[in-house]
């Protein structure tokens, strides 16, 4: 099991930090395992064997949907905070 595309998303962002907190525990564990394994291979200057590398059809987005959801929530929150309520005039 090697890195997935979403493993390469920069964590130095509040939105991504919140998305990482929302990951299911098993997905978070798998992510940490993949990152540590990639780091170990990098330190040893070795490539992962072909049979252990993630194939394109096995790769899927696991973090990006959560990030999009958080961004949509923030946009909605901003829209609601900027809303101006006007009272109807009595005639």
PDB file of N, CA and C in Angstrom:
ATOM      1  N   UNK A   1       0.847  -1.167   0.000  1.00  0.00           N
ATOM      2  CA  UNK A   1       0.000   0.000   0.000  1.00  0.00           C
ATOM      3  C   UNK A   1       0.900   1.239   0.000  1.00  0.00           C
ATOM      4  N   UNK A   2       0.788   2.031  -1.056  1.00  0.00           N
ATOM      5  CA  UNK A   2       1.568   3.269  -1.147  1.00  0.00           C
ATOM      6  C   UNK A   2       0.647   4.466  -0.993  1.00  0.00           C
ATOM      7  N   UNK A   3       1.209   5.631  -1.142  1.00  0.00           N
ATOM      8  CA  UNK A   3       0.422   6.859  -0.969  1.00  0.00           C
ATOM      9  C   UNK A   3      -0.684   6.964  -2.004  1.00  0.00           C
ATOM     10  N   UNK A   4      -1.731   7.619  -1.595  1.00  0.00           N
ATOM     11  CA  UNK A   4      -2.825   7.951  -2.503  1.00  0.00           C
ATOM     12  C   UNK A   4      -2.715   9.430  -2.822  1.00  0.00           C
ATOM     13  N   UNK A   5      -3.478   9.867  -3.805  1.00  0.00           N
ATOM     14  CA  UNK A   5      -3.403  11.269  -4.243  1.00  0.00           C
ATOM     15  C   UNK A   5      -3.744  12.211  -3.086  1.00  0.00           C
ATOM     16  N   UNK A   6      -4.742  11.871  -2.274  1.00  0.00           N
ATOM     17  CA  UNK A   6      -5.142  12.746  -1.170  1.00  0.00           C
ATOM     18  C   UNK A   6      -4.116  12.774  -0.041  1.00  0.00           C
ATOM     19  N   UNK A   7      -3.192  11.819  -0.016  1.00  0.00           N
ATOM     20  CA  UNK A   7      -2.140  11.838   0.999  1.00  0.00           C
ATOM     21  C   UNK A   7      -1.185  13.011   0.776  1.00  0.00           C
ATOM     22  N   UNK A   8      -1.150  13.541  -0.430  1.00  0.00           N
ATOM     23  CA  UNK A   8      -0.209  14.598  -0.780  1.00  0.00           C
ATOM     24  C   UNK A   8      -0.762  15.994  -0.547  1.00  0.00           C
ATOM     25  N   UNK A   9      -1.992  16.096  -0.054  1.00  0.00           N
ATOM     26  CA  UNK A   9      -2.577  17.404   0.244  1.00  0.00           C
ATOM     27  C   UNK A   9      -1.865  17.998   1.456  1.00  0.00           C
ATOM     28  N   UNK A  10      -1.450  19.254   1.334  1.00  0.00           N
ATOM     29  CA  UNK A  10      -0.708  19.933   2.392  1.00  0.00           C
ATOM     30  C   UNK A  10      -1.572  20.073   3.649  1.00  0.00           C
ATOM     31  N   UNK A  11      -1.019  19.701   4.787  1.00  0.00           N
ATOM     32  CA  UNK A  11      -1.756  19.735   6.052  1.00  0.00           C
ATOM     33  C   UNK A  11      -1.709  21.086   6.744  1.00  0.00           C
ATOM     34  N   UNK A  12      -0.974  22.042   6.217  1.00  0.00           N
ATOM     35  CA  UNK A  12      -0.790  23.336   6.874  1.00  0.00           C
ATOM     36  C   UNK A  12      -1.924  24.294   6.541  1.00  0.00           C
ATOM     37  N   UNK A  13      -3.136  23.804   6.654  1.00  0.00           N
ATOM     38  CA  UNK A  13      -4.322  24.569   6.310  1.00  0.00           C
ATOM     39  C   UNK A  13      -5.396  24.197   7.326  1.00  0.00           C
ATOM     40  N   UNK A  14      -6.101  25.180   7.853  1.00  0.00           N
ATOM     41  CA  UNK A  14      -7.120  24.891   8.867  1.00  0.00           C
ATOM     42  C   UNK A  14      -8.216  23.983   8.341  1.00  0.00           C
ATOM     43  N   UNK A  15      -8.584  24.150   7.082  1.00  0.00           N
ATOM     44  CA  UNK A  15      -9.623  23.308   6.491  1.00  0.00           C
ATOM     45  C   UNK A  15      -9.179  21.856   6.433  1.00  0.00           C
ATOM     46  N   UNK A  16      -7.944  21.636   6.022  1.00  0.00           N
ATOM     47  CA  UNK A  16      -7.421  20.269   5.931  1.00  0.00           C
ATOM     48  C   UNK A  16      -7.270  19.672   7.328  1.00  0.00           C
ATOM     49  N   UNK A  17      -6.842  20.467   8.300  1.00  0.00           N
ATOM     50  CA  UNK A  17      -6.734  19.981   9.678  1.00  0.00           C
ATOM     51  C   UNK A  17      -8.089  19.509  10.193  1.00  0.00           C
ATOM     52  N   UNK A  18      -9.134  20.274   9.920  1.00  0.00           N
ATOM     53  CA  UNK A  18     -10.476  19.894  10.342  1.00  0.00           C
ATOM     54  C   UNK A  18     -10.941  18.640   9.606  1.00  0.00           C
ATOM     55  N   UNK A  19     -10.616  18.543   8.321  1.00  0.00           N
ATOM     56  CA  UNK A  19     -10.980  17.357   7.542  1.00  0.00           C
ATOM     57  C   UNK A  19     -10.286  16.112   8.088  1.00  0.00           C
ATOM     58  N   UNK A  20      -9.029  16.245   8.483  1.00  0.00           N
ATOM     59  CA  UNK A  20      -8.301  15.109   9.054  1.00  0.00           C
ATOM     60  C   UNK A  20      -8.942  14.654  10.362  1.00  0.00           C
ATOM     61  N   UNK A  21      -9.473  15.596  11.139  1.00  0.00           N
ATOM     62  CA  UNK A  21     -10.145  15.241  12.391  1.00  0.00           C
ATOM     63  C   UNK A  21     -11.457  14.510  12.139  1.00  0.00           C
ATOM     64  N   UNK A  22     -12.056  14.756  10.973  1.00  0.00           N
ATOM     65  CA  UNK A  22     -13.333  14.119  10.640  1.00  0.00           C
ATOM     66  C   UNK A  22     -13.174  12.749   9.978  1.00  0.00           C
ATOM     67  N   UNK A  23     -11.954  12.380   9.662  1.00  0.00           N
ATOM     68  CA  UNK A  23     -11.736  11.067   9.043  1.00  0.00           C
ATOM     69  C   UNK A  23     -12.126   9.951   9.999  1.00  0.00           C
ATOM     70  N   UNK A  24     -12.679   8.858   9.480  1.00  0.00           N
ATOM     71  CA  UNK A  24     -12.924   7.690  10.332  1.00  0.00           C
ATOM     72  C   UNK A  24     -11.590   7.170  10.872  1.00  0.00           C
ATOM     73  N   UNK A  25     -11.588   6.589  12.063  1.00  0.00           N
ATOM     74  CA  UNK A  25     -10.320   6.139  12.675  1.00  0.00           C
ATOM     75  C   UNK A  25      -9.507   5.189  11.799  1.00  0.00           C
ATOM     76  N   UNK A  26     -10.151   4.255  11.131  1.00  0.00           N
ATOM     77  CA  UNK A  26      -9.381   3.303  10.308  1.00  0.00           C
ATOM     78  C   UNK A  26      -8.748   3.993   9.098  1.00  0.00           C
ATOM     79  N   UNK A  27      -9.423   4.970   8.513  1.00  0.00           N
ATOM     80  CA  UNK A  27      -8.862   5.711   7.371  1.00  0.00           C
ATOM     81  C   UNK A  27      -7.698   6.593   7.834  1.00  0.00           C
ATOM     82  N   UNK A  28      -7.829   7.195   9.016  1.00  0.00           N
ATOM     83  CA  UNK A  28      -6.749   8.014   9.561  1.00  0.00           C
ATOM     84  C   UNK A  28      -5.512   7.151   9.845  1.00  0.00           C
ATOM     85  N   UNK A  29      -5.728   5.957  10.398  1.00  0.00           N
ATOM     86  CA  UNK A  29      -4.619   5.044  10.679  1.00  0.00           C
ATOM     87  C   UNK A  29      -3.925   4.627   9.378  1.00  0.00           C
ATOM     88  N   UNK A  30      -4.720   4.275   8.367  1.00  0.00           N
ATOM     89  CA  UNK A  30      -4.148   3.866   7.077  1.00  0.00           C
ATOM     90  C   UNK A  30      -3.338   4.999   6.454  1.00  0.00           C
ATOM     91  N   UNK A  31      -3.828   6.229   6.599  1.00  0.00           N
ATOM     92  CA  UNK A  31      -3.126   7.393   6.053  1.00  0.00           C
ATOM     93  C   UNK A  31      -1.763   7.561   6.726  1.00  0.00           C
ATOM     94  N   UNK A  32      -1.729   7.487   8.033  1.00  0.00           N
ATOM     95  CA  UNK A  32      -0.465   7.621   8.773  1.00  0.00           C
ATOM     96  C   UNK A  32       0.490   6.495   8.388  1.00  0.00           C
ATOM     97  N   UNK A  33      -0.048   5.276   8.252  1.00  0.00           N
ATOM     98  CA  UNK A  33       0.787   4.137   7.852  1.00  0.00           C
ATOM     99  C   UNK A  33       1.410   4.377   6.481  1.00  0.00           C
ATOM    100  N   UNK A  34       0.594   4.851   5.517  1.00  0.00           N
ATOM    101  CA  UNK A  34       1.115   5.095   4.169  1.00  0.00           C
ATOM    102  C   UNK A  34       2.193   6.181   4.177  1.00  0.00           C
ATOM    103  N   UNK A  35       1.966   7.249   4.941  1.00  0.00           N
ATOM    104  CA  UNK A  35       2.947   8.340   4.991  1.00  0.00           C
ATOM    105  C   UNK A  35       4.250   7.887   5.648  1.00  0.00           C
ATOM    106  N   UNK A  36       4.146   7.121   6.723  1.00  0.00           N
ATOM    107  CA  UNK A  36       5.368   6.628   7.387  1.00  0.00           C
ATOM    108  C   UNK A  36       6.139   5.675   6.488  1.00  0.00           C
ATOM    109  N   UNK A  37       5.408   4.831   5.784  1.00  0.00           N
ATOM    110  CA  UNK A  37       6.070   3.887   4.891  1.00  0.00           C
ATOM    111  C   UNK A  37       6.774   4.630   3.755  1.00  0.00           C
ATOM    112  N   UNK A  38       6.126   5.662   3.219  1.00  0.00           N
ATOM    113  CA  UNK A  38       6.751   6.457   2.155  1.00  0.00           C
ATOM    114  C   UNK A  38       8.001   7.163   2.675  1.00  0.00           C
ATOM    115  N   UNK A  39       7.927   7.663   3.902  1.00  0.00           N
ATOM    116  CA  UNK A  39       9.081   8.338   4.494  1.00  0.00           C
ATOM    117  C   UNK A  39      10.236   7.357   4.685  1.00  0.00           C
ATOM    118  N   UNK A  40       9.926   6.140   5.142  1.00  0.00           N
ATOM    119  CA  UNK A  40      10.974   5.136   5.340  1.00  0.00           C
ATOM    120  C   UNK A  40      11.625   4.747   4.009  1.00  0.00           C
ATOM    121  N   UNK A  41      10.811   4.592   2.979  1.00  0.00           N
ATOM    122  CA  UNK A  41      11.366   4.268   1.652  1.00  0.00           C
ATOM    123  C   UNK A  41      12.242   5.405   1.146  1.00  0.00           C
ATOM    124  N   UNK A  42      11.824   6.640   1.415  1.00  0.00           N
ATOM    125  CA  UNK A  42      12.606   7.791   0.987  1.00  0.00           C
ATOM    126  C   UNK A  42      13.953   7.837   1.701  1.00  0.00           C
ATOM    127  N   UNK A  43      13.943   7.581   3.007  1.00  0.00           N
ATOM    128  CA  UNK A  43      15.201   7.585   3.762  1.00  0.00           C
ATOM    129  C   UNK A  43      16.147   6.487   3.296  1.00  0.00           C
ATOM    130  N   UNK A  44      15.590   5.333   2.940  1.00  0.00           N
ATOM    131  CA  UNK A  44      16.408   4.205   2.514  1.00  0.00           C
ATOM    132  C   UNK A  44      16.759   4.285   1.030  1.00  0.00           C
ATOM    133  N   UNK A  45      16.233   5.298   0.319  1.00  0.00           N
ATOM    134  CA  UNK A  45      16.463   5.445  -1.123  1.00  0.00           C
ATOM    135  C   UNK A  45      16.050   4.179  -1.874  1.00  0.00           C
ATOM    136  N   UNK A  46      14.879   3.671  -1.495  1.00  0.00           N
ATOM    137  CA  UNK A  46      14.357   2.462  -2.130  1.00  0.00           C
ATOM    138  C   UNK A  46      12.959   2.734  -2.671  1.00  0.00           C
ATOM    139  N   UNK A  47      12.625   2.032  -3.731  1.00  0.00           N
ATOM    140  CA  UNK A  47      11.271   2.080  -4.264  1.00  0.00           C
ATOM    141  C   UNK A  47      10.479   0.910  -3.687  1.00  0.00           C
ATOM    142  N   UNK A  48       9.203   1.129  -3.525  1.00  0.00           N
ATOM    143  CA  UNK A  48       8.325   0.059  -3.067  1.00  0.00           C
ATOM    144  C   UNK A  48       8.172  -0.955  -4.197  1.00  0.00           C
ATOM    145  N   UNK A  49       8.154  -2.241  -3.884  1.00  0.00           N
ATOM    146  CA  UNK A  49       7.962  -3.235  -4.948  1.00  0.00           C
ATOM    147  C   UNK A  49       6.664  -2.981  -5.723  1.00  0.00           C
ATOM    148  N   UNK A  50       6.663  -3.321  -7.006  1.00  0.00           N
ATOM    149  CA  UNK A  50       5.517  -3.058  -7.883  1.00  0.00           C
ATOM    150  C   UNK A  50       4.222  -3.662  -7.341  1.00  0.00           C
ATOM    151  N   UNK A  51       4.299  -4.830  -6.739  1.00  0.00           N
ATOM    152  CA  UNK A  51       3.074  -5.483  -6.252  1.00  0.00           C
ATOM    153  C   UNK A  51       2.480  -4.772  -5.037  1.00  0.00           C
ATOM    154  N   UNK A  52       3.242  -3.903  -4.385  1.00  0.00           N
ATOM    155  CA  UNK A  52       2.745  -3.177  -3.216  1.00  0.00           C
ATOM    156  C   UNK A  52       2.364  -1.734  -3.536  1.00  0.00           C
ATOM    157  N   UNK A  53       2.602  -1.305  -4.757  1.00  0.00           N
ATOM    158  CA  UNK A  53       2.266   0.060  -5.148  1.00  0.00           C
ATOM    159  C   UNK A  53       0.777   0.176  -5.453  1.00  0.00           C
ATOM    160  N   UNK A  54       0.217   1.344  -5.134  1.00  0.00           N
ATOM    161  CA  UNK A  54      -1.198   1.594  -5.395  1.00  0.00           C
ATOM    162  C   UNK A  54      -1.418   1.743  -6.887  1.00  0.00           C
ATOM    163  N   UNK A  55      -2.370   1.002  -7.411  1.00  0.00           N
ATOM    164  CA  UNK A  55      -2.709   1.101  -8.823  1.00  0.00           C
ATOM    165  C   UNK A  55      -3.709   2.228  -9.020  1.00  0.00           C
ATOM    166  N   UNK A  56      -3.737   2.788 -10.201  1.00  0.00           N
ATOM    167  CA  UNK A  56      -4.597   3.931 -10.497  1.00  0.00           C
ATOM    168  C   UNK A  56      -6.069   3.612 -10.200  1.00  0.00           C
ATOM    169  N   UNK A  57      -6.508   2.417 -10.530  1.00  0.00           N
ATOM    170  CA  UNK A  57      -7.911   2.069 -10.310  1.00  0.00           C
ATOM    171  C   UNK A  57      -8.232   1.825  -8.829  1.00  0.00           C
ATOM    172  N   UNK A  58      -7.218   1.605  -8.008  1.00  0.00           N
ATOM    173  CA  UNK A  58      -7.423   1.420  -6.566  1.00  0.00           C
ATOM    174  C   UNK A  58      -7.408   2.746  -5.807  1.00  0.00           C
ATOM    175  N   UNK A  59      -6.905   3.796  -6.449  1.00  0.00           N
ATOM    176  CA  UNK A  59      -6.811   5.104  -5.801  1.00  0.00           C
ATOM    177  C   UNK A  59      -8.180   5.778  -5.808  1.00  0.00           C
ATOM    178  N   UNK A  60      -8.563   6.342  -4.691  1.00  0.00           N
ATOM    179  CA  UNK A  60      -9.834   7.057  -4.600  1.00  0.00           C
ATOM    180  C   UNK A  60      -9.665   8.241  -3.658  1.00  0.00           C
ATOM    181  N   UNK A  61     -10.550   9.215  -3.802  1.00  0.00           N
ATOM    182  CA  UNK A  61     -10.510  10.389  -2.931  1.00  0.00           C
ATOM    183  C   UNK A  61     -11.146  10.021  -1.590  1.00  0.00           C
ATOM    184  N   UNK A  62     -10.425  10.220  -0.522  1.00  0.00           N
ATOM    185  CA  UNK A  62     -10.995   9.981   0.796  1.00  0.00           C
ATOM    186  C   UNK A  62     -11.007  11.263   1.625  1.00  0.00           C
ATOM    187  N   UNK A  63     -10.150  12.211   1.285  1.00  0.00           N
ATOM    188  CA  UNK A  63     -10.053  13.451   2.049  1.00  0.00           C
ATOM    189  C   UNK A  63     -10.690  14.631   1.306  1.00  0.00           C
ATOM    190  N   UNK A  64     -10.586  14.641  -0.002  1.00  0.00           N
ATOM    191  CA  UNK A  64     -11.123  15.753  -0.793  1.00  0.00           C
ATOM    192  C   UNK A  64     -12.622  15.981  -0.604  1.00  0.00           C
ATOM    193  N   UNK A  65     -13.460  14.933  -0.544  1.00  0.00           N
ATOM    194  CA  UNK A  65     -14.887  15.186  -0.318  1.00  0.00           C
ATOM    195  C   UNK A  65     -15.154  15.876   1.021  1.00  0.00           C
ATOM    196  N   UNK A  66     -14.392  15.521   2.039  1.00  0.00           N
ATOM    197  CA  UNK A  66     -14.569  16.146   3.359  1.00  0.00           C
ATOM    198  C   UNK A  66     -14.131  17.600   3.300  1.00  0.00           C
ATOM    199  N   UNK A  67     -13.040  17.870   2.579  1.00  0.00           N
ATOM    200  CA  UNK A  67     -12.558  19.249   2.425  1.00  0.00           C
ATOM    201  C   UNK A  67     -13.610  20.092   1.701  1.00  0.00           C
ATOM    202  N   UNK A  68     -14.183  19.547   0.620  1.00  0.00           N
ATOM    203  CA  UNK A  68     -15.231  20.282  -0.107  1.00  0.00           C
ATOM    204  C   UNK A  68     -16.446  20.545   0.790  1.00  0.00           C
ATOM    205  N   UNK A  69     -16.796  19.579   1.612  1.00  0.00           N
ATOM    206  CA  UNK A  69     -17.918  19.744   2.537  1.00  0.00           C
ATOM    207  C   UNK A  69     -17.639  20.860   3.547  1.00  0.00           C
ATOM    208  N   UNK A  70     -16.440  20.898   4.084  1.00  0.00           N
ATOM    209  CA  UNK A  70     -16.061  21.927   5.054  1.00  0.00           C
ATOM    210  C   UNK A  70     -16.054  23.306   4.387  1.00  0.00           C
ATOM    211  N   UNK A  71     -15.547  23.384   3.163  1.00  0.00           N
ATOM    212  CA  UNK A  71     -15.545  24.660   2.442  1.00  0.00           C
ATOM    213  C   UNK A  71     -16.963  25.137   2.155  1.00  0.00           C
ATOM    214  N   UNK A  72     -17.867  24.213   1.832  1.00  0.00           N
ATOM    215  CA  UNK A  72     -19.268  24.575   1.601  1.00  0.00           C
ATOM    216  C   UNK A  72     -19.914  25.073   2.888  1.00  0.00           C
ATOM    217  N   UNK A  73     -19.597  24.415   4.016  1.00  0.00           N
ATOM    218  CA  UNK A  73     -20.120  24.851   5.312  1.00  0.00           C
ATOM    219  C   UNK A  73     -19.621  26.258   5.645  1.00  0.00           C
ATOM    220  N   UNK A  74     -18.346  26.527   5.369  1.00  0.00           N
ATOM    221  CA  UNK A  74     -17.777  27.845   5.654  1.00  0.00           C
ATOM    222  C   UNK A  74     -18.421  28.910   4.778  1.00  0.00           C
ATOM    223  N   UNK A  75     -18.672  28.581   3.510  1.00  0.00           N
ATOM    224  CA  UNK A  75     -19.328  29.532   2.614  1.00  0.00           C
ATOM    225  C   UNK A  75     -20.751  29.823   3.090  1.00  0.00           C
ATOM    226  N   UNK A  76     -21.467  28.771   3.481  1.00  0.00           N
ATOM    227  CA  UNK A  76     -22.831  28.963   3.978  1.00  0.00           C
ATOM    228  C   UNK A  76     -22.830  29.798   5.262  1.00  0.00           C
ATOM    229  N   UNK A  77     -21.882  29.517   6.139  1.00  0.00           N
ATOM    230  CA  UNK A  77     -21.775  30.279   7.390  1.00  0.00           C
ATOM    231  C   UNK A  77     -21.490  31.758   7.090  1.00  0.00           C
ATOM    232  N   UNK A  78     -20.602  32.004   6.144  1.00  0.00           N
ATOM    233  CA  UNK A  78     -20.286  33.374   5.750  1.00  0.00           C
ATOM    234  C   UNK A  78     -21.487  34.076   5.133  1.00  0.00           C
ATOM    235  N   UNK A  79     -22.226  33.358   4.301  1.00  0.00           N
ATOM    236  CA  UNK A  79     -23.423  33.941   3.687  1.00  0.00           C
ATOM    237  C   UNK A  79     -24.473  34.273   4.744  1.00  0.00           C
ATOM    238  N   UNK A  80     -24.637  33.381   5.718  1.00  0.00           N
ATOM    239  CA  UNK A  80     -25.626  33.632   6.770  1.00  0.00           C
ATOM    240  C   UNK A  80     -25.192  34.773   7.689  1.00  0.00           C
ATOM    241  N   UNK A  81     -23.891  34.873   7.945  1.00  0.00           N
ATOM    242  CA  UNK A  81     -23.397  35.963   8.793  1.00  0.00           C
ATOM    243  C   UNK A  81     -23.528  37.315   8.116  1.00  0.00           C
ATOM    244  N   UNK A  82     -23.458  37.325   6.789  1.00  0.00           N
ATOM    245  CA  UNK A  82     -23.536  38.580   6.042  1.00  0.00           C
ATOM    246  C   UNK A  82     -24.973  38.973   5.711  1.00  0.00           C
ATOM    247  N   UNK A  83     -25.910  38.118   6.056  1.00  0.00           N
ATOM    248  CA  UNK A  83     -27.309  38.378   5.724  1.00  0.00           C
ATOM    249  C   UNK A  83     -27.841  39.560   6.551  1.00  0.00           C
ATOM    250  N   UNK A  84     -28.561  40.432   5.895  1.00  0.00           N
ATOM    251  CA  UNK A  84     -29.165  41.584   6.569  1.00  0.00           C
ATOM    252  C   UNK A  84     -30.676  41.363   6.597  1.00  0.00           C
ATOM    253  N   UNK A  85     -31.234  41.388   7.797  1.00  0.00           N
ATOM    254  CA  UNK A  85     -32.670  41.193   7.952  1.00  0.00           C
ATOM    255  C   UNK A  85     -33.324  42.563   8.129  1.00  0.00           C
ATOM    256  N   UNK A  86     -34.284  42.835   7.298  1.00  0.00           N
ATOM    257  CA  UNK A  86     -34.993  44.120   7.360  1.00  0.00           C
ATOM    258  C   UNK A  86     -36.436  43.861   7.793  1.00  0.00           C
ATOM    259  N   UNK A  87     -36.908  44.709   8.672  1.00  0.00           N
ATOM    260  CA  UNK A  87     -38.300  44.599   9.097  1.00  0.00           C
ATOM    261  C   UNK A  87     -39.202  45.181   8.025  1.00  0.00           C
ATOM    262  N   UNK A  88     -40.348  44.574   7.878  1.00  0.00           N
ATOM    263  CA  UNK A  88     -41.328  45.074   6.916  1.00  0.00           C
ATOM    264  C   UNK A  88     -41.953  46.348   7.475  1.00  0.00           C
ATOM    265  N   UNK A  89     -42.147  47.313   6.597  1.00  0.00           N
ATOM    266  CA  UNK A  89     -42.732  48.599   7.025  1.00  0.00           C
ATOM    267  C   UNK A  89     -44.237  48.425   7.212  1.00  0.00           C
ATOM    268  N   UNK A  90     -44.742  49.023   8.282  1.00  0.00           N
ATOM    269  CA  UNK A  90     -46.181  48.986   8.543  1.00  0.00           C
ATOM    270  C   UNK A  90     -46.840  50.113   7.766  1.00  0.00           C
ATOM    271  N   UNK A  91     -47.937  49.815   7.135  1.00  0.00           N
ATOM    272  CA  UNK A  91     -48.653  50.851   6.370  1.00  0.00           C
ATOM    273  C   UNK A  91     -50.012  51.072   6.938  1.00  0.00           C
TER     274      UNK A  91
END
